[in-house]
C-alpha cells in the first residue's frame, strides 16, 4: 500500500505547476506568432492581391458615384447657337485683365474651337493650329516613329510633307478596330462652365486651378508636335485662358469634364491651342 503524499510534497508540486503556467503561455504565444508570421510572409502575394482588389473596388465605386453626379446635371444641345452664346457670355465675365485685342481674338478662337469639338474635321483642326500663327512642327517621339513607319509603308510620300503628316496622325487617332470613328461633343451642362486667366503652363496647375471640374482619371489629348516661337521668353509670364464644362459625347451615354487651355502668342497677337484634358468617361478621340 502506497503512502499518501506529505503536505510539503503537495505544496512543492503546486508551486512547480504555478511556475510553469507563464512559461506555457509564452510557448503557446511564440508558436502562434510563428504560424501567423509564416502565413503573412508565405502568403504575402495573397494579402497584396486582396488589398489591391479592395482599393480597385473602392475606386470603381467612387468613380461610379462621380459619374452619377455628372449625369445628374442638366444638358443642352452643344451645337446650338444658344449654347454657344451662353458659353461665350460666361467666358467674357472672366476676361478682366485681358486687352481689347486679346478679348476679341479669344472669342474668335473659342468659336472655332467649339464648332470643331461639335463637328470635328481635319481642315478645322489644322486651321485652329496654324492660321495666323508662326509655328514649327517637330513630331514628338511617338508621332515621329509613326510617321517614319508610314513613309516605309508608302502611306506618306515624305516627312517634309508637314500637312500630310499631321493629317495622317489626325486620322490615326480616330481608328478603332479598322474603322474610322468620329467622336464629337453633343451636349453641354451650361451651368458648369468655368473660366480663368492663368500664368502657369503646366498640366498639374491646370487640373487643380480655378477652372477645374474634378476627374476620375484625367487624360490629356496629344499635341502631335506644334511649337510656337516666342512663348518661352525669359522673365515673361505666359498668359493663358482656361475654361471647362461638363459634356457628353455622341451616344456613349456617359458624361465628363472637358478642361481647355489656350496660350497667348504675343509676337502673333493671337491665341494658340495649348492643352485639352478630359476624363476616362469622355473618350474624345482627336488631336489637340
Protein backbone atom coordinates (compact mmCIF):
# COMPACT_ATOMS: atom_id res chain seq x y z
CA UNK A 1 0.00 0.00 0.00
CA UNK A 2 1.40 3.40 -1.05
CA UNK A 3 1.52 6.21 1.42
CA UNK A 4 -0.34 9.47 0.70
CA UNK A 5 1.94 12.37 -0.26
CA UNK A 6 3.07 14.54 2.53
CA UNK A 7 1.87 18.12 2.74
CA UNK A 8 5.24 19.59 1.80
CA UNK A 9 5.32 17.45 -1.38
CA UNK A 10 1.85 18.65 -2.43
CA UNK A 11 2.84 22.25 -1.88
CA UNK A 12 6.01 21.74 -3.89
CA UNK A 13 4.07 20.30 -6.88
CA UNK A 14 1.57 23.12 -6.77
CA UNK A 15 4.40 25.64 -6.75
CA UNK A 16 6.04 23.96 -9.74
CA UNK A 17 2.80 23.98 -11.72
CA UNK A 18 2.21 27.63 -10.89
CA UNK A 19 5.70 28.50 -12.08
CA UNK A 20 5.19 26.58 -15.33
CA UNK A 21 1.97 28.45 -16.35
CA UNK A 22 3.68 31.68 -17.60
CA UNK A 23 6.22 29.57 -19.46
CA UNK A 24 3.46 27.52 -21.08
CA UNK A 25 1.66 30.69 -22.12
CA UNK A 26 4.87 32.05 -23.59
CA UNK A 27 5.47 28.86 -25.57
CA UNK A 28 1.91 28.94 -26.95
CA UNK A 29 2.26 32.65 -27.84
CA UNK A 30 5.55 32.06 -29.66
CA UNK A 31 4.04 29.13 -31.56
CA UNK A 32 1.03 31.16 -32.64
CA UNK A 33 3.24 34.10 -33.58
CA UNK A 34 5.38 31.80 -35.69
CA UNK A 35 2.35 30.42 -37.52
CA UNK A 36 0.95 33.92 -38.10
CA UNK A 37 4.25 35.29 -39.39
CA UNK A 38 4.65 32.25 -41.58
CA UNK A 39 1.26 32.85 -43.12
CA UNK A 40 1.96 36.57 -43.53
CA UNK A 41 5.34 36.04 -45.17
CA UNK A 42 4.40 32.97 -47.17
CA UNK A 43 1.04 34.42 -48.14
CA UNK A 44 2.22 37.97 -48.89
CA UNK A 45 1.09 37.83 -52.53
CA UNK A 46 -2.38 36.90 -51.35
CA UNK A 47 -2.54 39.77 -48.86
CA UNK A 48 -1.27 42.22 -51.54
CA UNK A 49 -3.79 40.88 -54.03
CA UNK A 50 -6.63 41.28 -51.53
CA UNK A 51 -5.55 44.84 -50.75
CA UNK A 52 -5.32 45.72 -54.44
CA UNK A 53 -8.79 44.28 -55.02
CA UNK A 54 -10.24 46.32 -52.15
CA UNK A 55 -8.62 49.51 -53.48
CA UNK A 56 -9.80 48.74 -57.03
CA UNK A 57 -13.38 48.15 -55.87
CA UNK A 58 -13.37 51.34 -53.79
CA UNK A 59 -12.01 53.32 -56.75
CA UNK A 60 -14.67 51.90 -59.06
CA UNK A 61 -17.43 52.76 -56.61
CA UNK A 62 -16.09 56.27 -56.16
CA UNK A 63 -15.76 56.75 -59.94
CA UNK A 64 -19.32 55.49 -60.42
CA UNK A 65 -20.61 57.94 -57.81
CA UNK A 66 -18.80 60.83 -59.53
CA UNK A 67 -20.19 59.76 -62.91
CA UNK A 68 -23.73 59.69 -61.49
CA UNK A 69 -23.20 63.23 -60.21
CA UNK A 70 -22.10 64.37 -63.68
CA UNK A 71 -25.10 62.63 -65.23
CA UNK A 72 -27.49 64.48 -62.95
CA UNK A 73 -26.58 67.88 -64.47
CA UNK A 74 -28.92 69.49 -66.98
CA UNK A 75 -27.58 69.24 -70.54
CA UNK A 76 -28.31 71.30 -73.64
CA UNK A 77 -27.54 70.58 -77.29
CA UNK A 78 -23.89 71.50 -77.78
CA UNK A 79 -24.04 72.80 -81.35
CA UNK A 80 -26.94 75.17 -80.84
CA UNK A 81 -26.48 78.93 -81.17
CA UNK A 82 -27.99 79.40 -77.72
CA UNK A 83 -25.41 77.10 -76.11
CA UNK A 84 -22.53 78.81 -77.92
CA UNK A 85 -23.81 82.25 -76.90
CA UNK A 86 -24.14 81.19 -73.25
CA UNK A 87 -20.63 79.73 -73.14
CA UNK A 88 -19.13 82.86 -74.71
CA UNK A 89 -21.02 85.12 -72.30
CA UNK A 90 -19.73 83.14 -69.30
CA UNK A 91 -16.19 83.38 -70.67
CA UNK A 92 -16.48 87.15 -71.17
CA UNK A 93 -17.20 87.53 -67.47
CA UNK A 94 -13.68 86.21 -66.75
CA UNK A 95 -11.82 88.30 -69.34
CA UNK A 96 -10.90 91.05 -66.85
CA UNK A 97 -7.19 91.67 -67.23
CA UNK A 98 -7.08 90.92 -70.96
CA UNK A 99 -6.53 93.65 -73.51
CA UNK A 100 -9.18 94.50 -76.10
CA UNK A 101 -7.21 92.65 -78.77
CA UNK A 102 -6.80 89.59 -76.55
CA UNK A 103 -10.51 89.55 -75.77
CA UNK A 104 -11.59 89.84 -79.40
CA UNK A 105 -9.12 87.20 -80.59
CA UNK A 106 -10.15 84.93 -77.73
CA UNK A 107 -13.80 84.99 -78.75
CA UNK A 108 -12.92 84.17 -82.37
CA UNK A 109 -10.68 81.26 -81.30
CA UNK A 110 -13.24 79.84 -78.88
CA UNK A 111 -15.99 80.00 -81.51
CA UNK A 112 -13.84 77.99 -83.91
CA UNK A 113 -12.86 75.51 -81.21
CA UNK A 114 -16.44 74.91 -80.07
CA UNK A 115 -17.50 74.26 -83.64
CA UNK A 116 -14.60 71.87 -84.13
CA UNK A 117 -15.46 69.90 -80.98
CA UNK A 118 -19.07 69.66 -82.18
CA UNK A 119 -18.18 68.71 -85.75
CA UNK A 120 -14.51 67.66 -85.99
CA UNK A 121 -12.79 67.80 -89.36
CA UNK A 122 -9.10 67.83 -90.23
CA UNK A 123 -9.42 71.17 -92.01
CA UNK A 124 -10.89 72.80 -88.90
CA UNK A 125 -8.18 71.32 -86.67
CA UNK A 126 -5.34 72.38 -88.95
CA UNK A 127 -6.75 75.90 -89.20
CA UNK A 128 -7.04 76.21 -85.39
CA UNK A 129 -3.43 75.10 -85.04
CA UNK A 130 -1.85 77.19 -87.79
CA UNK A 131 -3.95 80.10 -89.10
CA UNK A 132 -2.35 83.45 -88.25
CA UNK A 133 0.41 81.78 -86.23
CA UNK A 134 4.09 81.20 -86.90
CA UNK A 135 4.92 77.69 -85.81
CA UNK A 136 7.30 74.78 -86.04
CA UNK A 137 6.11 71.23 -86.45
CA UNK A 138 8.51 68.88 -84.70
CA UNK A 139 6.83 65.49 -84.23
CA UNK A 140 7.03 64.16 -80.69
CA UNK A 141 8.58 60.73 -80.14
CA UNK A 142 5.56 58.51 -80.78
CA UNK A 143 4.45 60.62 -83.74
CA UNK A 144 7.94 60.56 -85.24
CA UNK A 145 8.06 56.76 -85.13
CA UNK A 146 4.58 56.54 -86.60
CA UNK A 147 5.45 58.86 -89.48
CA UNK A 148 8.69 57.01 -90.22
CA UNK A 149 6.74 53.76 -90.44
CA UNK A 150 4.14 55.42 -92.71
CA UNK A 151 6.95 56.51 -95.07
CA UNK A 152 8.36 52.98 -95.21
CA UNK A 153 4.90 51.62 -95.99
CA UNK A 154 4.35 54.31 -98.70
CA UNK A 155 1.40 55.79 -96.77
CA UNK A 156 3.20 59.14 -96.58
CA UNK A 157 5.19 60.49 -99.52
CA UNK A 158 7.76 62.37 -97.45
CA UNK A 159 8.41 63.59 -93.92
CA UNK A 160 8.78 67.04 -95.49
CA UNK A 161 5.03 66.97 -96.23
CA UNK A 162 4.10 68.59 -92.91
CA UNK A 163 0.37 68.97 -93.59
CA UNK A 164 0.17 65.40 -94.91
CA UNK A 165 1.97 64.17 -91.79
CA UNK A 166 -0.44 65.98 -89.48
CA UNK A 167 -3.41 64.63 -91.44
CA UNK A 168 -2.08 61.07 -91.13
CA UNK A 169 -1.66 61.47 -87.36
CA UNK A 170 -5.10 63.07 -87.01
CA UNK A 171 -6.72 60.22 -88.91
CA UNK A 172 -4.84 57.55 -86.94
CA UNK A 173 -6.29 58.52 -83.54
CA UNK A 174 -9.77 58.02 -84.99
CA UNK A 175 -9.12 54.42 -86.00
CA UNK A 176 -10.82 51.72 -83.93
CA UNK A 177 -10.79 48.04 -84.94
CA UNK A 178 -10.07 49.00 -88.52
CA UNK A 179 -12.84 51.58 -88.74
CA UNK A 180 -12.71 55.36 -88.67
CA UNK A 181 -14.63 56.65 -85.66
CA UNK A 182 -15.62 60.28 -85.21
CA UNK A 183 -16.29 61.32 -81.63
CA UNK A 184 -17.88 64.69 -81.06
CA UNK A 185 -19.35 66.68 -78.21
CA UNK A 186 -23.14 66.60 -78.45
CA UNK A 187 -24.33 68.06 -75.13
CA UNK A 188 -23.06 70.57 -72.56
CA UNK A 189 -24.09 71.40 -68.99
CA UNK A 190 -24.16 75.21 -69.26
CA UNK A 191 -24.32 75.79 -65.51
CA UNK A 192 -20.92 74.06 -65.11
CA UNK A 193 -18.96 76.43 -67.38
CA UNK A 194 -15.90 77.84 -65.57
CA UNK A 195 -13.11 80.09 -66.81
CA UNK A 196 -9.98 81.80 -65.51
CA UNK A 197 -6.81 83.58 -66.60
CA UNK A 198 -3.60 81.80 -65.63
CA UNK A 199 0.15 82.38 -65.86
CA UNK A 200 1.34 78.81 -65.23
CA UNK A 201 1.62 76.49 -68.20
CA UNK A 202 1.51 73.00 -66.71
CA UNK A 203 -1.00 70.19 -66.76
CA UNK A 204 -0.90 69.84 -62.97
CA UNK A 205 -1.62 73.54 -62.44
CA UNK A 206 -4.49 73.31 -64.92
CA UNK A 207 -6.10 70.32 -63.18
CA UNK A 208 -6.05 71.97 -59.74
CA UNK A 209 -6.64 75.53 -61.00
CA UNK A 210 -9.77 77.69 -60.70
CA UNK A 211 -11.32 76.22 -63.88
CA UNK A 212 -11.06 72.66 -62.56
CA UNK A 213 -14.02 70.26 -62.65
CA UNK A 214 -12.56 67.17 -60.96
CA UNK A 215 -11.69 63.88 -62.66
CA UNK A 216 -11.87 60.15 -62.05
CA UNK A 217 -8.86 59.52 -64.31
CA UNK A 218 -7.59 62.52 -66.29
CA UNK A 219 -6.25 62.11 -69.83
CA UNK A 220 -4.56 64.80 -71.91
CA UNK A 221 -5.09 64.80 -75.67
CA UNK A 222 -1.92 64.67 -77.78
CA UNK A 223 -0.25 67.62 -79.37
CA UNK A 224 1.48 65.87 -82.30
CA UNK A 225 4.33 68.38 -82.37
CA UNK A 226 3.24 72.02 -82.81
CA UNK A 227 5.53 74.63 -81.23
CA UNK A 228 5.15 78.41 -81.29
CA UNK A 229 8.25 80.68 -81.19
CA UNK A 230 8.28 83.43 -78.59
CA UNK A 231 6.33 81.55 -75.93
CA UNK A 232 9.22 80.88 -73.57
CA UNK A 233 10.93 84.25 -73.29
CA UNK A 234 12.94 84.68 -70.09
CA UNK A 235 11.29 86.84 -67.46
CA UNK A 236 7.95 86.98 -69.30
CA UNK A 237 4.99 85.25 -67.69
CA UNK A 238 2.79 83.33 -70.14
CA UNK A 239 -0.83 84.38 -70.48
CA UNK A 240 -3.28 81.51 -70.63
CA UNK A 241 -7.05 81.40 -70.75
CA UNK A 242 -8.55 78.25 -69.25
CA UNK A 243 -12.15 77.13 -69.39
CA UNK A 244 -14.09 73.96 -68.69
CA UNK A 245 -17.53 72.38 -68.66
CA UNK A 246 -19.27 69.03 -68.32
CA UNK A 247 -20.14 67.44 -71.65
CA UNK A 248 -21.45 64.33 -73.33
CA UNK A 249 -20.10 62.55 -76.42
CA UNK A 250 -22.27 61.13 -79.20
CA UNK A 251 -24.42 58.26 -77.92
CA UNK A 252 -21.91 56.95 -75.40
CA UNK A 253 -24.26 57.88 -72.57
CA UNK A 254 -21.50 58.85 -70.17
CA UNK A 255 -20.69 62.39 -69.10
CA UNK A 256 -17.44 64.01 -68.08
CA UNK A 257 -15.38 67.19 -67.86
CA UNK A 258 -13.55 68.98 -70.64
CA UNK A 259 -10.74 71.31 -69.50
CA UNK A 260 -9.18 73.53 -72.17
CA UNK A 261 -6.17 75.86 -72.12
CA UNK A 262 -5.33 78.49 -74.75
CA UNK A 263 -1.95 80.24 -74.87
CA UNK A 264 -1.46 83.86 -75.94
CA UNK A 265 1.27 84.20 -78.58
CA UNK A 266 2.49 87.77 -78.19
CA UNK A 267 4.50 88.07 -81.45
CA UNK A 268 1.47 86.93 -83.48
CA UNK A 269 -1.14 88.67 -81.31
CA UNK A 270 -3.33 85.58 -81.26
CA UNK A 271 -4.25 82.54 -79.17
CA UNK A 272 -2.94 79.03 -79.82
CA UNK A 273 -4.34 75.68 -78.71
CA UNK A 274 -2.39 74.65 -75.63
CA UNK A 275 -3.90 71.75 -73.66
CA UNK A 276 -7.11 69.75 -73.56
CA UNK A 277 -7.66 67.43 -70.61
CA UNK A 278 -10.64 65.14 -70.38
CA UNK A 279 -11.78 62.16 -68.30
CA UNK A 280 -11.73 58.42 -68.93
CA UNK A 281 -15.53 58.57 -69.17
CA UNK A 282 -15.32 61.08 -72.01
CA UNK A 283 -13.23 59.25 -74.66
CA UNK A 284 -12.65 62.10 -77.11
CA UNK A 285 -10.60 60.64 -79.97
CA UNK A 286 -8.79 63.51 -81.61
CA UNK A 287 -5.58 65.53 -81.50
CA UNK A 288 -5.23 68.91 -79.85
